[in-house]
PDB file of N, CA and C in Angstrom:
ATOM      1  N   MET A   1      85.028   8.672   3.296  1.00  0.00           N
ATOM      2  CA  MET A   1      85.198   9.917   4.182  1.00  0.00           C
ATOM      3  C   MET A   1      84.413  10.839   3.610  1.00  0.00           C
ATOM      4  N   LEU A   2      84.048  11.708   4.623  1.00  0.00           N
ATOM      5  CA  LEU A   2      83.017  12.709   4.452  1.00  0.00           C
ATOM      6  C   LEU A   2      83.679  14.043   4.967  1.00  0.00           C
ATOM      7  N   ILE A   3      83.341  15.044   3.662  1.00  0.00           N
ATOM      8  CA  ILE A   3      83.944  16.186   4.000  1.00  0.00           C
ATOM      9  C   ILE A   3      82.823  17.327   3.738  1.00  0.00           C
ATOM     10  N   LEU A   4      82.385  17.834   5.066  1.00  0.00           N
ATOM     11  CA  LEU A   4      81.188  18.544   4.473  1.00  0.00           C
ATOM     12  C   LEU A   4      79.946  18.131   4.098  1.00  0.00           C
ATOM     13  N   GLY A   5      79.723  17.018   4.420  1.00  0.00           N
ATOM     14  CA  GLY A   5      78.765  16.170   3.506  1.00  0.00           C
ATOM     15  C   GLY A   5      78.892  15.629   2.294  1.00  0.00           C
ATOM     16  N   ALA A   6      80.164  15.623   1.747  1.00  0.00           N
ATOM     17  CA  ALA A   6      80.510  15.208   0.483  1.00  0.00           C
ATOM     18  C   ALA A   6      80.915  14.104   0.627  1.00  0.00           C
ATOM     19  N   LYS A   7      81.013  13.067   0.028  1.00  0.00           N
ATOM     20  CA  LYS A   7      81.583  11.715  -0.141  1.00  0.00           C
ATOM     21  C   LYS A   7      82.710  11.724  -1.243  1.00  0.00           C
ATOM     22  N   GLN A   8      83.652  11.236  -0.620  1.00  0.00           N
ATOM     23  CA  GLN A   8      85.032  10.959  -1.381  1.00  0.00           C
ATOM     24  C   GLN A   8      85.191   9.529  -1.939  1.00  0.00           C
ATOM     25  N   ILE A   9      85.027   9.384  -3.260  1.00  0.00           N
ATOM     26  CA  ILE A   9      85.342   7.935  -3.771  1.00  0.00           C
ATOM     27  C   ILE A   9      86.228   8.059  -4.797  1.00  0.00           C
ATOM     28  N   GLU A  10      87.083   6.746  -4.962  1.00  0.00           N
ATOM     29  CA  GLU A  10      88.310   6.500  -5.655  1.00  0.00           C
ATOM     30  C   GLU A  10      87.566   6.364  -7.149  1.00  0.00           C
ATOM     31  N   ILE A  11      88.351   6.903  -8.225  1.00  0.00           N
ATOM     32  CA  ILE A  11      87.749   6.675  -9.552  1.00  0.00           C
ATOM     33  C   ILE A  11      89.099   6.201 -10.427  1.00  0.00           C
ATOM     34  N   ASP A  12      89.032   5.391 -11.681  1.00  0.00           N
ATOM     35  CA  ASP A  12      89.961   4.963 -12.512  1.00  0.00           C
ATOM     36  C   ASP A  12      90.099   5.857 -13.683  1.00  0.00           C
ATOM     37  N   MET A  13      91.149   6.388 -13.806  1.00  0.00           N
ATOM     38  CA  MET A  13      91.574   7.560 -14.778  1.00  0.00           C
ATOM     39  C   MET A  13      92.818   7.068 -15.403  1.00  0.00           C
ATOM     40  N   PRO A  14      92.625   5.761 -16.663  1.00  0.00           N
ATOM     41  CA  PRO A  14      93.719   5.316 -17.328  1.00  0.00           C
ATOM     42  C   PRO A  14      94.478   6.015 -17.812  1.00  0.00           C
ATOM     43  N   HIS A  15      94.018   7.335 -18.569  1.00  0.00           N
ATOM     44  CA  HIS A  15      94.606   8.102 -19.473  1.00  0.00           C
ATOM     45  C   HIS A  15      95.080   9.437 -18.724  1.00  0.00           C
ATOM     46  N   PHE A  16      95.152   9.195 -17.690  1.00  0.00           N
ATOM     47  CA  PHE A  16      95.406  10.733 -16.749  1.00  0.00           C
ATOM     48  C   PHE A  16      97.049  10.944 -17.151  1.00  0.00           C
ATOM     49  N   ASP A  17      97.780   9.857 -17.103  1.00  0.00           N
ATOM     50  CA  ASP A  17      99.425  10.116 -17.788  1.00  0.00           C
ATOM     51  C   ASP A  17      99.521  10.876 -18.588  1.00  0.00           C
ATOM     52  N   TYR A  18      98.562  10.879 -19.862  1.00  0.00           N
ATOM     53  CA  TYR A  18      98.587  11.763 -20.887  1.00  0.00           C
ATOM     54  C   TYR A  18      98.165  12.951 -20.816  1.00  0.00           C
ATOM     55  N   ALA A  19      97.767  13.638 -19.707  1.00  0.00           N
ATOM     56  CA  ALA A  19      97.021  14.809 -19.613  1.00  0.00           C
ATOM     57  C   ALA A  19      97.807  15.846 -20.028  1.00  0.00           C
ATOM     58  N   ILE A  20      99.048  15.998 -19.420  1.00  0.00           N
ATOM     59  CA  ILE A  20     100.290  16.907 -19.658  1.00  0.00           C
ATOM     60  C   ILE A  20     100.726  17.311 -21.039  1.00  0.00           C
ATOM     61  N   ALA A  21     101.105  15.948 -21.654  1.00  0.00           N
ATOM     62  CA  ALA A  21     101.324  15.770 -23.177  1.00  0.00           C
ATOM     63  C   ALA A  21     100.389  16.327 -23.771  1.00  0.00           C
ATOM     64  N   ALA A  22      99.001  16.087 -23.793  1.00  0.00           N
ATOM     65  CA  ALA A  22      97.961  16.385 -24.675  1.00  0.00           C
ATOM     66  C   ALA A  22      97.818  18.152 -24.325  1.00  0.00           C
ATOM     67  N   TYR A  23      98.067  18.401 -23.290  1.00  0.00           N
ATOM     68  CA  TYR A  23      97.757  20.089 -22.981  1.00  0.00           C
ATOM     69  C   TYR A  23      99.039  20.681 -23.637  1.00  0.00           C
ATOM     70  N   TYR A  24     100.219  20.274 -23.532  1.00  0.00           N
ATOM     71  CA  TYR A  24     101.342  20.778 -24.286  1.00  0.00           C
ATOM     72  C   TYR A  24     101.357  20.736 -26.024  1.00  0.00           C
ATOM     73  N   ASN A  25     100.698  19.637 -26.394  1.00  0.00           N
ATOM     74  CA  ASN A  25     100.816  19.484 -27.949  1.00  0.00           C
ATOM     75  C   ASN A  25      99.230  20.154 -28.296  1.00  0.00           C
ATOM     76  N   GLY A  26      98.407  19.986 -27.541  1.00  0.00           N
ATOM     77  CA  GLY A  26      97.087  20.996 -28.326  1.00  0.00           C
ATOM     78  C   GLY A  26      96.882  22.235 -27.661  1.00  0.00           C
ATOM     79  N   ARG A  27      96.633  22.427 -26.470  1.00  0.00           N
ATOM     80  CA  ARG A  27      96.063  23.852 -26.045  1.00  0.00           C
ATOM     81  C   ARG A  27      97.402  24.898 -25.842  1.00  0.00           C
ATOM     82  N   LEU A  28      98.333  24.420 -25.283  1.00  0.00           N
ATOM     83  CA  LEU A  28      99.489  25.410 -25.093  1.00  0.00           C
ATOM     84  C   LEU A  28      99.684  26.250 -26.514  1.00  0.00           C
ATOM     85  N   PRO A  29      99.747  25.858 -27.700  1.00  0.00           N
ATOM     86  CA  PRO A  29     100.196  26.678 -28.634  1.00  0.00           C
ATOM     87  C   PRO A  29      98.640  27.457 -29.245  1.00  0.00           C
ATOM     88  N   LEU A  30      97.773  27.093 -28.777  1.00  0.00           N
ATOM     89  CA  LEU A  30      96.754  27.936 -29.041  1.00  0.00           C
ATOM     90  C   LEU A  30      96.563  29.066 -28.192  1.00  0.00           C
ATOM     91  N   ARG A  31      96.973  28.970 -26.968  1.00  0.00           N
ATOM     92  CA  ARG A  31      96.914  29.980 -25.966  1.00  0.00           C
ATOM     93  C   ARG A  31      98.001  30.841 -26.173  1.00  0.00           C
ATOM     94  N   ALA A  32      99.147  30.482 -26.693  1.00  0.00           N
ATOM     95  CA  ALA A  32     100.152  31.361 -26.916  1.00  0.00           C
ATOM     96  C   ALA A  32      99.921  32.539 -28.100  1.00  0.00           C
ATOM     97  N   SER A  33      99.376  31.569 -29.190  1.00  0.00           N
ATOM     98  CA  SER A  33      98.929  32.495 -30.291  1.00  0.00           C
ATOM     99  C   SER A  33      97.810  33.126 -29.830  1.00  0.00           C
ATOM    100  N   SER A  34      96.849  33.127 -29.253  1.00  0.00           N
ATOM    101  CA  SER A  34      95.768  33.889 -28.994  1.00  0.00           C
ATOM    102  C   SER A  34      96.360  35.338 -27.977  1.00  0.00           C
ATOM    103  N   ASN A  35      97.433  34.908 -27.205  1.00  0.00           N
ATOM    104  CA  ASN A  35      97.976  35.771 -26.236  1.00  0.00           C
ATOM    105  C   ASN A  35      98.821  36.920 -27.103  1.00  0.00           C
ATOM    106  N   LEU A  36      99.741  36.348 -28.086  1.00  0.00           N
ATOM    107  CA  LEU A  36     100.661  37.323 -28.847  1.00  0.00           C
ATOM    108  C   LEU A  36      99.703  38.010 -29.786  1.00  0.00           C
ATOM    109  N   ALA A  37      98.588  37.615 -30.259  1.00  0.00           N
ATOM    110  CA  ALA A  37      97.666  37.952 -31.124  1.00  0.00           C
ATOM    111  C   ALA A  37      97.319  39.591 -31.028  1.00  0.00           C
ATOM    112  N   ARG A  38      97.565  40.051 -29.443  1.00  0.00           N
ATOM    113  CA  ARG A  38      96.914  41.426 -29.334  1.00  0.00           C
ATOM    114  C   ARG A  38      98.512  42.442 -29.682  1.00  0.00           C
ATOM    115  N   TYR A  39      99.774  41.694 -29.886  1.00  0.00           N
ATOM    116  CA  TYR A  39     100.633  42.764 -30.429  1.00  0.00           C
ATOM    117  C   TYR A  39     100.761  42.804 -31.885  1.00  0.00           C
ATOM    118  N   ASP A  40      99.669  43.442 -32.237  1.00  0.00           N
ATOM    119  CA  ASP A  40      99.678  43.444 -33.833  1.00  0.00           C
ATOM    120  C   ASP A  40     100.266  44.868 -34.486  1.00  0.00           C
ATOM    121  N   GLY A  41     101.211  45.565 -33.559  1.00  0.00           N
ATOM    122  CA  GLY A  41     101.514  46.965 -34.094  1.00  0.00           C
ATOM    123  C   GLY A  41     100.325  47.902 -34.393  1.00  0.00           C
ATOM    124  N   VAL A  42      98.975  47.661 -34.180  1.00  0.00           N
ATOM    125  CA  VAL A  42      98.056  48.525 -34.127  1.00  0.00           C
ATOM    126  C   VAL A  42      97.836  49.222 -32.924  1.00  0.00           C
ATOM    127  N   HIS A  43      97.760  48.354 -31.871  1.00  0.00           N
ATOM    128  CA  HIS A  43      97.171  48.782 -30.922  1.00  0.00           C
ATOM    129  C   HIS A  43      98.473  48.602 -29.414  1.00  0.00           C
ATOM    130  N   TYR A  44      99.124  47.419 -29.765  1.00  0.00           N
ATOM    131  CA  TYR A  44     100.250  47.286 -28.791  1.00  0.00           C
ATOM    132  C   TYR A  44     101.500  46.793 -29.525  1.00  0.00           C
ATOM    133  N   GLY A  45     102.453  46.873 -28.932  1.00  0.00           N
ATOM    134  CA  GLY A  45     103.880  46.281 -29.307  1.00  0.00           C
ATOM    135  C   GLY A  45     104.412  47.084 -30.893  1.00  0.00           C
ATOM    136  N   HIS A  46     105.351  46.157 -31.180  1.00  0.00           N
ATOM    137  CA  HIS A  46     106.201  47.213 -32.289  1.00  0.00           C
ATOM    138  C   HIS A  46     105.320  47.594 -33.471  1.00  0.00           C
ATOM    139  N   ARG A  47     105.554  48.654 -33.809  1.00  0.00           N
ATOM    140  CA  ARG A  47     104.886  49.007 -34.903  1.00  0.00           C
ATOM    141  C   ARG A  47     105.810  49.462 -36.384  1.00  0.00           C
ATOM    142  N   THR A  48     105.638  48.916 -37.434  1.00  0.00           N
ATOM    143  CA  THR A  48     106.481  48.980 -38.508  1.00  0.00           C
ATOM    144  C   THR A  48     106.725  50.572 -38.957  1.00  0.00           C
ATOM    145  N   ALA A  49     107.679  50.999 -39.535  1.00  0.00           N
ATOM    146  CA  ALA A  49     107.787  52.503 -40.055  1.00  0.00           C
ATOM    147  C   ALA A  49     107.407  52.676 -41.393  1.00  0.00           C
ATOM    148  N   ASN A  50     106.462  53.679 -41.776  1.00  0.00           N
ATOM    149  CA  ASN A  50     106.225  53.980 -43.176  1.00  0.00           C
ATOM    150  C   ASN A  50     105.339  52.717 -43.992  1.00  0.00           C
ATOM    151  N   PRO A  51     104.489  51.936 -43.244  1.00  0.00           N
ATOM    152  CA  PRO A  51     103.422  51.221 -43.941  1.00  0.00           C
ATOM    153  C   PRO A  51     102.867  51.460 -45.285  1.00  0.00           C
ATOM    154  N   ASN A  52     102.671  50.869 -46.218  1.00  0.00           N
ATOM    155  CA  ASN A  52     101.796  51.321 -47.513  1.00  0.00           C
ATOM    156  C   ASN A  52     100.542  51.113 -47.086  1.00  0.00           C
ATOM    157  N   ASP A  53     100.196  50.132 -46.668  1.00  0.00           N
ATOM    158  CA  ASP A  53      98.445  50.021 -46.187  1.00  0.00           C
ATOM    159  C   ASP A  53      98.140  49.315 -44.731  1.00  0.00           C
ATOM    160  N   TYR A  54      97.220  48.964 -44.452  1.00  0.00           N
ATOM    161  CA  TYR A  54      96.811  48.613 -43.306  1.00  0.00           C
ATOM    162  C   TYR A  54      97.255  46.924 -42.999  1.00  0.00           C
ATOM    163  N   ILE A  55      97.065  46.214 -44.130  1.00  0.00           N
ATOM    164  CA  ILE A  55      97.674  44.977 -44.216  1.00  0.00           C
ATOM    165  C   ILE A  55      99.096  45.055 -43.759  1.00  0.00           C
ATOM    166  N   GLU A  56      99.824  45.725 -44.581  1.00  0.00           N
ATOM    167  CA  GLU A  56     101.377  45.779 -44.368  1.00  0.00           C
ATOM    168  C   GLU A  56     101.723  46.206 -42.983  1.00  0.00           C
ATOM    169  N   VAL A  57     101.154  46.944 -41.966  1.00  0.00           N
ATOM    170  CA  VAL A  57     101.369  47.144 -40.711  1.00  0.00           C
ATOM    171  C   VAL A  57     101.225  45.905 -39.997  1.00  0.00           C
ATOM    172  N   TYR A  58     100.208  44.910 -40.311  1.00  0.00           N
ATOM    173  CA  TYR A  58     100.202  43.719 -39.735  1.00  0.00           C
ATOM    174  C   TYR A  58     101.644  42.954 -39.960  1.00  0.00           C
ATOM    175  N   ILE A  59     101.677  42.574 -41.217  1.00  0.00           N
ATOM    176  CA  ILE A  59     102.923  41.720 -41.794  1.00  0.00           C
ATOM    177  C   ILE A  59     103.936  42.345 -41.316  1.00  0.00           C
ATOM    178  N   LYS A  60     104.486  43.352 -41.334  1.00  0.00           N
ATOM    179  CA  LYS A  60     105.778  43.873 -41.188  1.00  0.00           C
ATOM    180  C   LYS A  60     105.963  44.142 -39.631  1.00  0.00           C
ATOM    181  N   SER A  61     104.842  44.824 -38.936  1.00  0.00           N
ATOM    182  CA  SER A  61     105.105  44.536 -37.566  1.00  0.00           C
ATOM    183  C   SER A  61     105.296  43.543 -36.869  1.00  0.00           C
ATOM    184  N   ARG A  62     104.411  42.450 -37.075  1.00  0.00           N
ATOM    185  CA  ARG A  62     104.869  40.975 -36.513  1.00  0.00           C
ATOM    186  C   ARG A  62     106.100  40.771 -37.089  1.00  0.00           C
ATOM    187  N   ALA A  63     106.399  40.430 -38.425  1.00  0.00           N
ATOM    188  CA  ALA A  63     107.697  39.989 -39.039  1.00  0.00           C
ATOM    189  C   ALA A  63     109.106  40.862 -38.163  1.00  0.00           C
ATOM    190  N   GLU A  64     109.013  42.009 -37.899  1.00  0.00           N
ATOM    191  CA  GLU A  64     109.911  42.925 -37.365  1.00  0.00           C
ATOM    192  C   GLU A  64     110.047  42.531 -35.559  1.00  0.00           C
ATOM    193  N   GLY A  65     108.530  42.641 -35.216  1.00  0.00           N
ATOM    194  CA  GLY A  65     108.687  42.589 -33.692  1.00  0.00           C
ATOM    195  C   GLY A  65     109.042  40.970 -33.245  1.00  0.00           C
ATOM    196  N   PHE A  66     108.539  39.812 -34.104  1.00  0.00           N
ATOM    197  CA  PHE A  66     108.478  38.709 -33.408  1.00  0.00           C
ATOM    198  C   PHE A  66     109.755  37.773 -34.326  1.00  0.00           C
ATOM    199  N   GLY A  67     109.784  38.152 -35.716  1.00  0.00           N
ATOM    200  CA  GLY A  67     110.778  37.092 -36.593  1.00  0.00           C
ATOM    201  C   GLY A  67     110.167  36.658 -37.440  1.00  0.00           C
ATOM    202  N   LYS A  68     110.626  35.830 -38.300  1.00  0.00           N
ATOM    203  CA  LYS A  68     110.061  34.839 -39.269  1.00  0.00           C
ATOM    204  C   LYS A  68     108.997  34.105 -38.978  1.00  0.00           C
ATOM    205  N   ARG A  69     109.034  33.200 -37.801  1.00  0.00           N
ATOM    206  CA  ARG A  69     108.132  32.512 -37.347  1.00  0.00           C
ATOM    207  C   ARG A  69     106.797  33.128 -37.169  1.00  0.00           C
ATOM    208  N   SER A  70     106.698  34.216 -36.840  1.00  0.00           N
ATOM    209  CA  SER A  70     105.117  35.019 -36.724  1.00  0.00           C
ATOM    210  C   SER A  70     104.742  35.189 -38.030  1.00  0.00           C
ATOM    211  N   GLN A  71     105.252  34.961 -39.127  1.00  0.00           N
ATOM    212  CA  GLN A  71     104.410  35.472 -40.328  1.00  0.00           C
ATOM    213  C   GLN A  71     103.447  34.059 -40.714  1.00  0.00           C
ATOM    214  N   ALA A  72     103.885  32.762 -40.308  1.00  0.00           N
ATOM    215  CA  ALA A  72     102.814  31.995 -40.696  1.00  0.00           C
ATOM    216  C   ALA A  72     101.723  31.779 -40.508  1.00  0.00           C
TER     217      ALA A  72
END
């Protein structure tokens, strides 16, 4: 079949059935982590009250804003 001068051919992709699982196990957690990193308590998101230093701003803001899982 020709579409604007291009040929369409069939190819065999034996591992295509695993594409969604690979995305959810590999790429999705990385994207979520990257997207949530902006809510550090400095520029966006919850900011803890009365931190002792800059490191504590990050640690307490993320713990209070996201819960225990964000401290890992």
